[in-house]
Amino acid sequence: MHIRSAEFIQSATRPGNYPPEQGPEIAFAGRSNVGKSSLINNLVGRRKLVRTSRTPGRTQLLNFFRINDQFCMVDLPGYGFAKVPPEVKKAWGPMVHTYLAQRASLRGVVWLLDCRRVPNDEDLQLLDWLEELQIPTIPVITKIDKVKRSQRLKQLKPILATTGLPADAFSSFSALSGEGREDVWERIVEALGLDGEVGE
């Protein structure tokens, strides 16, 4: 994927302030500190397109980014961080579910899971929503560099058991080394329906 342009459009909380739908969208979702910002920045080759923070739970809005004037990436607010105020936690579900259910241009969701953590109730709730709404899902195991290659299958087994998904449903990714970048891009391009339209 050759990235010619990548720009922040706006943040939003509800349909009334989403940007106009101009082409397909791919969204990114996962618990706080799973590496969403790092993944998006790595994919588009921009270090600071999406703000990263050492403090989990900072992304509390839907953030829209326009890529190559062809499609949008949408960074959904992270979930599961204990220090986020209760009112913010309560708002997360309706905000995200409304976007997933009502955004006609949404073509798929990149669902991020930390390779060192077993998916929790909030992870599984999101997966349930995606299945219920029949939204194509791209599961990505992040921070794979934190685990030795010889231990990766062992780490993956409880994730497979908890989600009920097969191993080949997942892509593995490292923001540090870039491992898995092309695989994730291929699946995003397919979900967006841009095969044959995007220059390499």
N, C-alpha and C. Protein backbone atom coordinates (compact mmCIF):
# COMPACT_ATOMS: atom_id res chain seq x y z
N MET A 1 0.85 -1.20 0.00
CA MET A 1 0.00 0.00 0.00
C MET A 1 0.88 1.25 0.00
N HIS A 2 0.73 2.07 -0.99
CA HIS A 2 1.49 3.32 -1.07
C HIS A 2 0.63 4.45 -0.51
N ILE A 3 1.10 5.07 0.56
CA ILE A 3 0.36 6.15 1.21
C ILE A 3 0.83 7.49 0.67
N ARG A 4 -0.05 8.15 -0.05
CA ARG A 4 0.28 9.46 -0.61
C ARG A 4 -0.11 10.60 0.34
N SER A 5 -1.20 10.39 1.09
CA SER A 5 -1.64 11.43 2.02
C SER A 5 -2.40 10.79 3.16
N ALA A 6 -2.28 11.38 4.34
CA ALA A 6 -2.97 10.92 5.54
C ALA A 6 -3.19 12.14 6.42
N GLU A 7 -4.45 12.45 6.69
CA GLU A 7 -4.73 13.64 7.48
C GLU A 7 -5.89 13.42 8.44
N PHE A 8 -5.78 14.06 9.59
CA PHE A 8 -6.85 14.03 10.57
C PHE A 8 -8.00 14.90 10.06
N ILE A 9 -9.23 14.39 10.14
CA ILE A 9 -10.39 15.16 9.72
C ILE A 9 -11.05 15.83 10.92
N GLN A 10 -11.58 14.99 11.85
CA GLN A 10 -12.23 15.55 13.03
C GLN A 10 -12.54 14.44 14.02
N SER A 11 -12.91 14.84 15.22
CA SER A 11 -13.37 13.92 16.25
C SER A 11 -14.88 14.05 16.37
N ALA A 12 -15.52 13.00 16.89
CA ALA A 12 -16.97 13.02 17.01
C ALA A 12 -17.41 12.11 18.15
N THR A 13 -18.64 12.31 18.60
CA THR A 13 -19.22 11.45 19.63
C THR A 13 -20.54 10.83 19.19
N ARG A 14 -21.18 11.41 18.18
CA ARG A 14 -22.51 10.95 17.77
C ARG A 14 -22.71 11.23 16.28
N PRO A 15 -23.71 10.59 15.66
CA PRO A 15 -23.91 10.74 14.22
C PRO A 15 -24.03 12.18 13.74
N GLY A 16 -24.59 13.05 14.56
CA GLY A 16 -24.77 14.44 14.15
C GLY A 16 -23.49 15.18 13.88
N ASN A 17 -22.37 14.71 14.47
CA ASN A 17 -21.10 15.39 14.18
C ASN A 17 -20.06 14.48 13.53
N TYR A 18 -20.50 13.35 12.95
CA TYR A 18 -19.59 12.58 12.11
C TYR A 18 -19.29 13.41 10.85
N PRO A 19 -18.13 13.24 10.25
CA PRO A 19 -17.88 13.90 8.95
C PRO A 19 -18.75 13.26 7.87
N PRO A 20 -18.98 13.96 6.77
CA PRO A 20 -19.76 13.37 5.67
C PRO A 20 -19.11 12.07 5.19
N GLU A 21 -19.94 11.14 4.74
CA GLU A 21 -19.43 9.87 4.25
C GLU A 21 -18.89 10.05 2.83
N GLN A 22 -17.59 9.88 2.69
CA GLN A 22 -16.92 10.04 1.40
C GLN A 22 -16.04 8.82 1.16
N GLY A 23 -16.62 7.78 0.62
CA GLY A 23 -15.87 6.55 0.40
C GLY A 23 -15.95 5.63 1.60
N PRO A 24 -15.37 4.45 1.47
CA PRO A 24 -15.45 3.44 2.53
C PRO A 24 -14.62 3.80 3.76
N GLU A 25 -14.96 3.19 4.89
CA GLU A 25 -14.24 3.40 6.15
C GLU A 25 -13.85 2.06 6.76
N ILE A 26 -12.71 2.08 7.43
CA ILE A 26 -12.27 0.94 8.22
C ILE A 26 -12.01 1.46 9.63
N ALA A 27 -12.54 0.79 10.64
CA ALA A 27 -12.39 1.26 12.02
C ALA A 27 -11.42 0.35 12.78
N PHE A 28 -10.85 0.91 13.85
CA PHE A 28 -9.89 0.19 14.68
C PHE A 28 -10.41 0.20 16.12
N ALA A 29 -10.50 -0.98 16.73
CA ALA A 29 -11.08 -1.08 18.07
C ALA A 29 -10.27 -2.03 18.93
N GLY A 30 -10.27 -1.75 20.24
CA GLY A 30 -9.57 -2.61 21.19
C GLY A 30 -9.49 -1.95 22.54
N ARG A 31 -9.03 -2.71 23.51
CA ARG A 31 -8.93 -2.15 24.86
C ARG A 31 -7.82 -1.10 24.92
N SER A 32 -7.89 -0.27 25.94
CA SER A 32 -6.87 0.75 26.12
C SER A 32 -5.49 0.11 26.21
N ASN A 33 -4.51 0.76 25.61
CA ASN A 33 -3.12 0.33 25.64
C ASN A 33 -2.85 -0.94 24.84
N VAL A 34 -3.76 -1.27 23.88
CA VAL A 34 -3.53 -2.45 23.05
C VAL A 34 -2.64 -2.14 21.86
N GLY A 35 -2.46 -0.83 21.57
CA GLY A 35 -1.57 -0.44 20.48
C GLY A 35 -2.28 0.03 19.23
N LYS A 36 -3.50 0.56 19.37
CA LYS A 36 -4.24 1.04 18.20
C LYS A 36 -3.51 2.17 17.49
N SER A 37 -3.11 3.17 18.26
CA SER A 37 -2.44 4.33 17.66
C SER A 37 -1.15 3.92 16.96
N SER A 38 -0.39 3.04 17.59
CA SER A 38 0.86 2.59 16.99
C SER A 38 0.62 1.82 15.71
N LEU A 39 -0.43 1.00 15.69
CA LEU A 39 -0.75 0.25 14.48
C LEU A 39 -1.13 1.19 13.34
N ILE A 40 -2.02 2.13 13.60
CA ILE A 40 -2.45 3.05 12.55
C ILE A 40 -1.27 3.87 12.03
N ASN A 41 -0.46 4.41 12.94
CA ASN A 41 0.71 5.19 12.53
C ASN A 41 1.67 4.37 11.68
N ASN A 42 1.87 3.10 12.06
CA ASN A 42 2.76 2.23 11.30
C ASN A 42 2.19 1.94 9.92
N LEU A 43 0.90 1.68 9.85
CA LEU A 43 0.28 1.36 8.57
C LEU A 43 0.41 2.51 7.57
N VAL A 44 0.23 3.73 8.05
CA VAL A 44 0.25 4.87 7.13
C VAL A 44 1.64 5.51 7.03
N GLY A 45 2.58 5.01 7.80
CA GLY A 45 3.94 5.53 7.72
C GLY A 45 4.10 6.94 8.26
N ARG A 46 3.30 7.28 9.26
CA ARG A 46 3.38 8.59 9.90
C ARG A 46 3.55 8.39 11.39
N ARG A 47 4.58 8.96 11.95
CA ARG A 47 4.84 8.73 13.37
C ARG A 47 3.81 9.35 14.29
N LYS A 48 3.24 10.46 13.88
CA LYS A 48 2.39 11.20 14.80
C LYS A 48 1.01 11.52 14.23
N LEU A 49 0.55 10.74 13.24
CA LEU A 49 -0.80 11.00 12.74
C LEU A 49 -1.82 10.80 13.86
N VAL A 50 -1.68 9.69 14.56
CA VAL A 50 -2.54 9.41 15.71
C VAL A 50 -1.69 9.59 16.96
N ARG A 51 -2.20 10.35 17.90
CA ARG A 51 -1.46 10.59 19.14
C ARG A 51 -1.36 9.32 19.96
N THR A 52 -0.14 9.01 20.38
CA THR A 52 0.06 7.89 21.30
C THR A 52 0.32 8.46 22.68
N SER A 53 -0.02 7.69 23.68
CA SER A 53 0.13 8.17 25.05
C SER A 53 0.59 7.04 25.95
N ARG A 54 1.40 7.39 26.93
CA ARG A 54 1.79 6.40 27.93
C ARG A 54 0.66 6.15 28.93
N THR A 55 -0.34 7.00 28.89
CA THR A 55 -1.49 6.86 29.79
C THR A 55 -2.65 6.24 29.03
N PRO A 56 -3.01 4.99 29.33
CA PRO A 56 -4.14 4.36 28.64
C PRO A 56 -5.43 5.12 28.88
N GLY A 57 -6.36 5.00 27.94
CA GLY A 57 -7.67 5.60 28.12
C GLY A 57 -7.78 7.02 27.62
N ARG A 58 -6.76 7.53 26.93
CA ARG A 58 -6.79 8.91 26.46
C ARG A 58 -7.73 9.09 25.26
N THR A 59 -7.85 8.07 24.41
CA THR A 59 -8.73 8.18 23.25
C THR A 59 -10.16 7.94 23.71
N GLN A 60 -10.96 9.01 23.81
CA GLN A 60 -12.32 8.90 24.32
C GLN A 60 -13.34 9.43 23.32
N LEU A 61 -12.89 9.60 22.06
CA LEU A 61 -13.75 10.08 20.99
C LEU A 61 -13.54 9.19 19.76
N LEU A 62 -14.44 9.32 18.79
CA LEU A 62 -14.23 8.69 17.49
C LEU A 62 -13.37 9.65 16.67
N ASN A 63 -12.20 9.22 16.25
CA ASN A 63 -11.29 10.08 15.50
C ASN A 63 -11.20 9.60 14.05
N PHE A 64 -11.50 10.50 13.11
CA PHE A 64 -11.58 10.18 11.69
C PHE A 64 -10.34 10.70 10.95
N PHE A 65 -9.76 9.85 10.10
CA PHE A 65 -8.58 10.20 9.32
C PHE A 65 -8.83 9.85 7.85
N ARG A 66 -8.48 10.77 6.95
CA ARG A 66 -8.67 10.56 5.52
C ARG A 66 -7.35 10.08 4.92
N ILE A 67 -7.39 8.95 4.20
CA ILE A 67 -6.19 8.34 3.65
C ILE A 67 -6.27 8.34 2.12
N ASN A 68 -5.24 8.92 1.48
CA ASN A 68 -5.12 8.93 0.01
C ASN A 68 -6.35 9.51 -0.70
N ASP A 69 -7.15 10.31 0.02
CA ASP A 69 -8.39 10.83 -0.55
C ASP A 69 -9.28 9.72 -1.12
N GLN A 70 -9.14 8.50 -0.56
CA GLN A 70 -9.90 7.34 -1.04
C GLN A 70 -10.79 6.74 0.03
N PHE A 71 -10.30 6.72 1.26
CA PHE A 71 -11.03 6.06 2.33
C PHE A 71 -10.66 6.68 3.67
N CYS A 72 -11.40 6.30 4.71
CA CYS A 72 -11.13 6.81 6.06
C CYS A 72 -10.74 5.68 7.00
N MET A 73 -9.86 6.00 7.93
CA MET A 73 -9.60 5.16 9.09
C MET A 73 -10.25 5.85 10.29
N VAL A 74 -10.90 5.06 11.12
CA VAL A 74 -11.58 5.62 12.29
C VAL A 74 -11.04 4.94 13.55
N ASP A 75 -10.43 5.73 14.40
CA ASP A 75 -9.87 5.24 15.66
C ASP A 75 -10.97 5.33 16.72
N LEU A 76 -11.49 4.17 17.12
CA LEU A 76 -12.55 4.14 18.12
C LEU A 76 -11.95 4.23 19.52
N PRO A 77 -12.70 4.79 20.48
CA PRO A 77 -12.16 4.93 21.84
C PRO A 77 -11.85 3.58 22.47
N GLY A 78 -10.73 3.52 23.16
CA GLY A 78 -10.35 2.28 23.85
C GLY A 78 -11.23 2.03 25.06
N TYR A 79 -11.28 0.80 25.47
CA TYR A 79 -12.13 0.43 26.61
C TYR A 79 -11.31 -0.35 27.64
N GLY A 80 -11.88 -0.45 28.84
CA GLY A 80 -11.30 -1.32 29.85
C GLY A 80 -10.24 -0.72 30.74
N PHE A 81 -10.03 0.61 30.69
CA PHE A 81 -9.02 1.21 31.57
C PHE A 81 -9.66 1.68 32.86
N ALA A 82 -9.19 1.16 33.98
CA ALA A 82 -9.84 1.35 35.27
C ALA A 82 -9.92 2.81 35.71
N LYS A 83 -8.94 3.64 35.32
CA LYS A 83 -8.90 5.01 35.83
C LYS A 83 -9.74 5.99 35.02
N VAL A 84 -10.37 5.52 33.95
CA VAL A 84 -11.27 6.39 33.20
C VAL A 84 -12.49 6.68 34.06
N PRO A 85 -12.95 7.94 34.11
CA PRO A 85 -14.12 8.28 34.91
C PRO A 85 -15.33 7.42 34.56
N PRO A 86 -16.17 7.09 35.55
CA PRO A 86 -17.33 6.22 35.32
C PRO A 86 -18.25 6.70 34.20
N GLU A 87 -18.43 8.03 34.10
CA GLU A 87 -19.33 8.55 33.06
C GLU A 87 -18.77 8.31 31.67
N VAL A 88 -17.42 8.30 31.55
CA VAL A 88 -16.78 8.03 30.26
C VAL A 88 -16.95 6.55 29.91
N LYS A 89 -16.75 5.68 30.91
CA LYS A 89 -16.95 4.24 30.69
C LYS A 89 -18.37 3.96 30.23
N LYS A 90 -19.33 4.61 30.88
CA LYS A 90 -20.74 4.39 30.56
C LYS A 90 -21.07 4.84 29.15
N ALA A 91 -20.39 5.89 28.69
CA ALA A 91 -20.67 6.45 27.36
C ALA A 91 -20.04 5.63 26.24
N TRP A 92 -19.02 4.84 26.58
CA TRP A 92 -18.28 4.11 25.53
C TRP A 92 -19.20 3.19 24.73
N GLY A 93 -19.99 2.36 25.40
CA GLY A 93 -20.82 1.39 24.71
C GLY A 93 -21.78 2.02 23.71
N PRO A 94 -22.63 2.96 24.15
CA PRO A 94 -23.55 3.60 23.20
C PRO A 94 -22.84 4.33 22.07
N MET A 95 -21.73 4.99 22.37
CA MET A 95 -21.00 5.73 21.33
C MET A 95 -20.50 4.80 20.24
N VAL A 96 -19.86 3.71 20.65
CA VAL A 96 -19.28 2.78 19.69
C VAL A 96 -20.36 1.98 18.98
N HIS A 97 -21.34 1.48 19.71
CA HIS A 97 -22.39 0.67 19.09
C HIS A 97 -23.18 1.49 18.07
N THR A 98 -23.46 2.75 18.40
CA THR A 98 -24.18 3.61 17.45
C THR A 98 -23.38 3.78 16.16
N TYR A 99 -22.09 4.02 16.29
CA TYR A 99 -21.25 4.15 15.09
C TYR A 99 -21.29 2.86 14.28
N LEU A 100 -21.09 1.73 14.93
CA LEU A 100 -21.05 0.44 14.22
C LEU A 100 -22.38 0.16 13.52
N ALA A 101 -23.48 0.50 14.18
CA ALA A 101 -24.80 0.16 13.65
C ALA A 101 -25.28 1.12 12.57
N GLN A 102 -24.83 2.39 12.63
CA GLN A 102 -25.43 3.40 11.76
C GLN A 102 -24.53 3.92 10.64
N ARG A 103 -23.25 3.65 10.69
CA ARG A 103 -22.35 4.22 9.69
C ARG A 103 -22.37 3.37 8.43
N ALA A 104 -23.07 3.82 7.42
CA ALA A 104 -23.26 3.04 6.20
C ALA A 104 -21.97 2.78 5.45
N SER A 105 -20.99 3.68 5.59
CA SER A 105 -19.74 3.54 4.84
C SER A 105 -18.74 2.60 5.52
N LEU A 106 -19.07 2.10 6.71
CA LEU A 106 -18.16 1.20 7.43
C LEU A 106 -18.07 -0.13 6.70
N ARG A 107 -16.85 -0.56 6.37
CA ARG A 107 -16.64 -1.81 5.64
C ARG A 107 -16.01 -2.91 6.48
N GLY A 108 -15.47 -2.56 7.63
CA GLY A 108 -14.86 -3.57 8.48
C GLY A 108 -14.23 -2.95 9.70
N VAL A 109 -13.91 -3.80 10.68
CA VAL A 109 -13.28 -3.33 11.91
C VAL A 109 -12.04 -4.17 12.18
N VAL A 110 -10.92 -3.49 12.38
CA VAL A 110 -9.69 -4.14 12.82
C VAL A 110 -9.79 -4.24 14.34
N TRP A 111 -9.90 -5.45 14.83
CA TRP A 111 -10.11 -5.72 16.26
C TRP A 111 -8.78 -6.16 16.87
N LEU A 112 -8.24 -5.34 17.77
CA LEU A 112 -6.90 -5.57 18.31
C LEU A 112 -6.95 -6.28 19.66
N LEU A 113 -6.07 -7.28 19.81
CA LEU A 113 -5.92 -8.01 21.06
C LEU A 113 -4.44 -8.10 21.40
N ASP A 114 -4.09 -7.84 22.64
CA ASP A 114 -2.71 -7.94 23.11
C ASP A 114 -2.33 -9.41 23.21
N CYS A 115 -1.18 -9.78 22.63
CA CYS A 115 -0.77 -11.18 22.62
C CYS A 115 -0.55 -11.75 24.02
N ARG A 116 -0.35 -10.87 25.01
CA ARG A 116 -0.05 -11.33 26.37
C ARG A 116 -1.29 -11.43 27.26
N ARG A 117 -2.47 -11.10 26.71
CA ARG A 117 -3.67 -11.05 27.53
C ARG A 117 -4.77 -11.94 26.95
N VAL A 118 -5.48 -12.61 27.83
CA VAL A 118 -6.65 -13.37 27.40
C VAL A 118 -7.80 -12.37 27.22
N PRO A 119 -8.56 -12.44 26.14
CA PRO A 119 -9.67 -11.51 25.93
C PRO A 119 -10.64 -11.51 27.12
N ASN A 120 -11.08 -10.31 27.49
CA ASN A 120 -11.99 -10.18 28.64
C ASN A 120 -13.42 -9.96 28.16
N ASP A 121 -14.31 -9.69 29.11
CA ASP A 121 -15.74 -9.54 28.77
C ASP A 121 -15.98 -8.41 27.79
N GLU A 122 -15.22 -7.31 27.94
CA GLU A 122 -15.42 -6.17 27.03
C GLU A 122 -14.95 -6.50 25.62
N ASP A 123 -13.84 -7.24 25.51
CA ASP A 123 -13.38 -7.69 24.20
C ASP A 123 -14.46 -8.54 23.53
N LEU A 124 -15.02 -9.46 24.29
CA LEU A 124 -16.01 -10.39 23.74
C LEU A 124 -17.33 -9.69 23.43
N GLN A 125 -17.66 -8.65 24.22
CA GLN A 125 -18.86 -7.87 23.92
C GLN A 125 -18.72 -7.20 22.56
N LEU A 126 -17.56 -6.65 22.29
CA LEU A 126 -17.32 -6.01 21.00
C LEU A 126 -17.42 -7.02 19.88
N LEU A 127 -16.82 -8.20 20.07
CA LEU A 127 -16.91 -9.25 19.05
C LEU A 127 -18.36 -9.65 18.81
N ASP A 128 -19.14 -9.73 19.87
CA ASP A 128 -20.57 -10.06 19.74
C ASP A 128 -21.29 -9.01 18.89
N TRP A 129 -20.99 -7.73 19.14
CA TRP A 129 -21.61 -6.65 18.36
C TRP A 129 -21.26 -6.79 16.88
N LEU A 130 -20.00 -7.04 16.60
CA LEU A 130 -19.55 -7.15 15.21
C LEU A 130 -20.24 -8.32 14.51
N GLU A 131 -20.39 -9.43 15.22
CA GLU A 131 -21.06 -10.58 14.63
C GLU A 131 -22.55 -10.31 14.46
N GLU A 132 -23.16 -9.67 15.47
CA GLU A 132 -24.59 -9.35 15.42
C GLU A 132 -24.90 -8.42 14.25
N LEU A 133 -24.03 -7.44 14.04
CA LEU A 133 -24.24 -6.45 12.98
C LEU A 133 -23.66 -6.91 11.64
N GLN A 134 -23.07 -8.09 11.63
CA GLN A 134 -22.49 -8.68 10.41
C GLN A 134 -21.45 -7.76 9.77
N ILE A 135 -20.59 -7.22 10.63
CA ILE A 135 -19.51 -6.36 10.16
C ILE A 135 -18.25 -7.20 10.00
N PRO A 136 -17.64 -7.21 8.82
CA PRO A 136 -16.39 -7.96 8.64
C PRO A 136 -15.36 -7.55 9.69
N THR A 137 -14.73 -8.55 10.29
CA THR A 137 -13.79 -8.30 11.39
C THR A 137 -12.41 -8.80 11.03
N ILE A 138 -11.41 -7.97 11.29
CA ILE A 138 -10.02 -8.33 11.04
C ILE A 138 -9.33 -8.41 12.41
N PRO A 139 -9.25 -9.59 13.00
CA PRO A 139 -8.61 -9.72 14.32
C PRO A 139 -7.09 -9.64 14.19
N VAL A 140 -6.48 -8.78 14.99
CA VAL A 140 -5.03 -8.60 14.95
C VAL A 140 -4.45 -8.78 16.35
N ILE A 141 -3.47 -9.66 16.47
CA ILE A 141 -2.75 -9.85 17.73
C ILE A 141 -1.58 -8.87 17.74
N THR A 142 -1.57 -7.94 18.68
CA THR A 142 -0.55 -6.90 18.72
C THR A 142 0.58 -7.25 19.71
N LYS A 143 1.65 -6.46 19.60
CA LYS A 143 2.81 -6.56 20.50
C LYS A 143 3.44 -7.95 20.45
N ILE A 144 3.42 -8.55 19.25
CA ILE A 144 3.93 -9.90 19.09
C ILE A 144 5.43 -9.98 19.36
N ASP A 145 6.11 -8.84 19.28
CA ASP A 145 7.55 -8.81 19.57
C ASP A 145 7.84 -9.06 21.05
N LYS A 146 6.82 -8.95 21.90
CA LYS A 146 6.99 -9.16 23.34
C LYS A 146 7.09 -10.64 23.70
N VAL A 147 6.81 -11.50 22.71
CA VAL A 147 6.80 -12.94 22.96
C VAL A 147 7.80 -13.63 22.04
N LYS A 148 8.59 -14.55 22.58
CA LYS A 148 9.52 -15.31 21.75
C LYS A 148 8.75 -16.14 20.73
N ARG A 149 9.33 -16.30 19.57
CA ARG A 149 8.66 -17.07 18.51
C ARG A 149 8.26 -18.46 18.99
N SER A 150 9.12 -19.06 19.80
CA SER A 150 8.84 -20.42 20.28
C SER A 150 7.65 -20.46 21.24
N GLN A 151 7.25 -19.29 21.77
CA GLN A 151 6.16 -19.23 22.75
C GLN A 151 4.85 -18.70 22.15
N ARG A 152 4.88 -18.34 20.87
CA ARG A 152 3.72 -17.67 20.29
C ARG A 152 2.49 -18.57 20.24
N LEU A 153 2.66 -19.82 19.86
CA LEU A 153 1.51 -20.72 19.79
C LEU A 153 0.89 -20.91 21.17
N LYS A 154 1.73 -21.01 22.17
CA LYS A 154 1.24 -21.15 23.55
C LYS A 154 0.42 -19.94 23.96
N GLN A 155 0.89 -18.74 23.56
CA GLN A 155 0.17 -17.51 23.89
C GLN A 155 -1.14 -17.40 23.12
N LEU A 156 -1.15 -17.95 21.91
CA LEU A 156 -2.32 -17.83 21.06
C LEU A 156 -3.46 -18.75 21.49
N LYS A 157 -3.13 -19.90 22.05
CA LYS A 157 -4.15 -20.90 22.37
C LYS A 157 -5.29 -20.37 23.24
N PRO A 158 -5.01 -19.68 24.37
CA PRO A 158 -6.13 -19.18 25.18
C PRO A 158 -6.95 -18.10 24.47
N ILE A 159 -6.33 -17.37 23.55
CA ILE A 159 -7.06 -16.36 22.78
C ILE A 159 -8.03 -17.06 21.82
N LEU A 160 -7.55 -18.12 21.17
CA LEU A 160 -8.41 -18.89 20.27
C LEU A 160 -9.56 -19.53 21.04
N ALA A 161 -9.23 -20.09 22.20
CA ALA A 161 -10.25 -20.78 23.00
C ALA A 161 -11.33 -19.81 23.48
N THR A 162 -10.92 -18.61 23.87
CA THR A 162 -11.86 -17.63 24.42
C THR A 162 -12.73 -17.02 23.33
N THR A 163 -12.15 -16.72 22.19
CA THR A 163 -12.90 -16.07 21.11
C THR A 163 -13.68 -17.06 20.25
N GLY A 164 -13.22 -18.31 20.22
CA GLY A 164 -13.86 -19.30 19.36
C GLY A 164 -13.50 -19.14 17.90
N LEU A 165 -12.48 -18.34 17.61
CA LEU A 165 -12.07 -18.10 16.23
C LEU A 165 -10.89 -18.99 15.86
N PRO A 166 -10.76 -19.37 14.59
CA PRO A 166 -9.63 -20.20 14.18
C PRO A 166 -8.34 -19.39 14.08
N ALA A 167 -7.22 -20.08 14.13
CA ALA A 167 -5.92 -19.39 14.11
C ALA A 167 -5.73 -18.56 12.85
N ASP A 168 -6.23 -19.05 11.70
CA ASP A 168 -6.00 -18.32 10.46
C ASP A 168 -6.87 -17.07 10.32
N ALA A 169 -7.75 -16.84 11.30
CA ALA A 169 -8.54 -15.60 11.30
C ALA A 169 -7.70 -14.42 11.76
N PHE A 170 -6.60 -14.70 12.46
CA PHE A 170 -5.80 -13.64 13.08
C PHE A 170 -4.58 -13.27 12.26
N SER A 171 -4.25 -11.98 12.32
CA SER A 171 -2.95 -11.50 11.85
C SER A 171 -2.14 -11.14 13.10
N SER A 172 -0.84 -11.33 13.02
CA SER A 172 0.05 -10.93 14.12
C SER A 172 0.81 -9.69 13.70
N PHE A 173 1.01 -8.77 14.66
CA PHE A 173 1.62 -7.49 14.30
C PHE A 173 2.56 -6.99 15.38
N SER A 174 3.65 -6.37 14.95
CA SER A 174 4.58 -5.69 15.85
C SER A 174 4.83 -4.29 15.32
N ALA A 175 4.49 -3.28 16.12
CA ALA A 175 4.77 -1.89 15.74
C ALA A 175 6.27 -1.63 15.78
N LEU A 176 6.99 -2.41 16.57
CA LEU A 176 8.44 -2.21 16.72
C LEU A 176 9.18 -2.64 15.45
N SER A 177 8.86 -3.83 14.96
CA SER A 177 9.57 -4.36 13.80
C SER A 177 8.81 -4.21 12.49
N GLY A 178 7.51 -3.94 12.58
CA GLY A 178 6.68 -3.86 11.38
C GLY A 178 6.21 -5.22 10.91
N GLU A 179 6.54 -6.27 11.66
CA GLU A 179 6.10 -7.62 11.29
C GLU A 179 4.57 -7.67 11.18
N GLY A 180 4.07 -8.24 10.11
CA GLY A 180 2.64 -8.38 9.92
C GLY A 180 1.97 -7.21 9.23
N ARG A 181 2.71 -6.15 8.96
CA ARG A 181 2.12 -4.94 8.36
C ARG A 181 1.46 -5.23 7.03
N GLU A 182 2.16 -5.93 6.15
CA GLU A 182 1.61 -6.20 4.82
C GLU A 182 0.37 -7.08 4.89
N ASP A 183 0.40 -8.04 5.80
CA ASP A 183 -0.75 -8.93 5.96
C ASP A 183 -1.98 -8.14 6.40
N VAL A 184 -1.80 -7.25 7.37
CA VAL A 184 -2.92 -6.43 7.84
C VAL A 184 -3.43 -5.54 6.72
N TRP A 185 -2.50 -4.94 5.96
CA TRP A 185 -2.92 -4.07 4.85
C TRP A 185 -3.72 -4.85 3.81
N GLU A 186 -3.26 -6.05 3.47
CA GLU A 186 -3.98 -6.84 2.47
C GLU A 186 -5.42 -7.08 2.89
N ARG A 187 -5.63 -7.36 4.17
CA ARG A 187 -6.97 -7.64 4.66
C ARG A 187 -7.81 -6.37 4.73
N ILE A 188 -7.18 -5.25 5.03
CA ILE A 188 -7.90 -3.98 5.04
C ILE A 188 -8.34 -3.60 3.63
N VAL A 189 -7.43 -3.71 2.67
CA VAL A 189 -7.75 -3.37 1.28
C VAL A 189 -8.89 -4.24 0.77
N GLU A 190 -8.86 -5.52 1.12
CA GLU A 190 -9.94 -6.43 0.70
C GLU A 190 -11.27 -6.01 1.32
N ALA A 191 -11.25 -5.67 2.62
CA ALA A 191 -12.49 -5.24 3.29
C ALA A 191 -13.03 -3.96 2.70
N LEU A 192 -12.14 -3.04 2.33
CA LEU A 192 -12.55 -1.77 1.76
C LEU A 192 -13.06 -1.90 0.33
N GLY A 193 -12.76 -3.02 -0.31
CA GLY A 193 -13.16 -3.21 -1.70
C GLY A 193 -12.32 -2.41 -2.67
N LEU A 194 -11.06 -2.19 -2.32
CA LEU A 194 -10.19 -1.35 -3.14
C LEU A 194 -9.19 -2.15 -3.97
N ASP A 195 -9.37 -3.46 -4.04
CA ASP A 195 -8.45 -4.28 -4.83
C ASP A 195 -8.35 -3.75 -6.25
N GLY A 196 -7.11 -3.59 -6.70
CA GLY A 196 -6.90 -3.13 -8.06
C GLY A 196 -6.99 -1.62 -8.22
N GLU A 197 -7.34 -0.91 -7.11
CA GLU A 197 -7.49 0.54 -7.20
C GLU A 197 -6.40 1.29 -6.42
N VAL A 198 -5.61 0.53 -5.66
CA VAL A 198 -4.63 1.17 -4.80
C VAL A 198 -3.23 0.80 -5.27
N GLY A 199 -2.40 1.82 -5.49
CA GLY A 199 -1.04 1.58 -5.94
C GLY A 199 -0.17 1.03 -4.84
N GLU A 200 0.75 0.14 -5.19
CA GLU A 200 1.68 -0.42 -4.20
C GLU A 200 2.90 0.48 -4.09
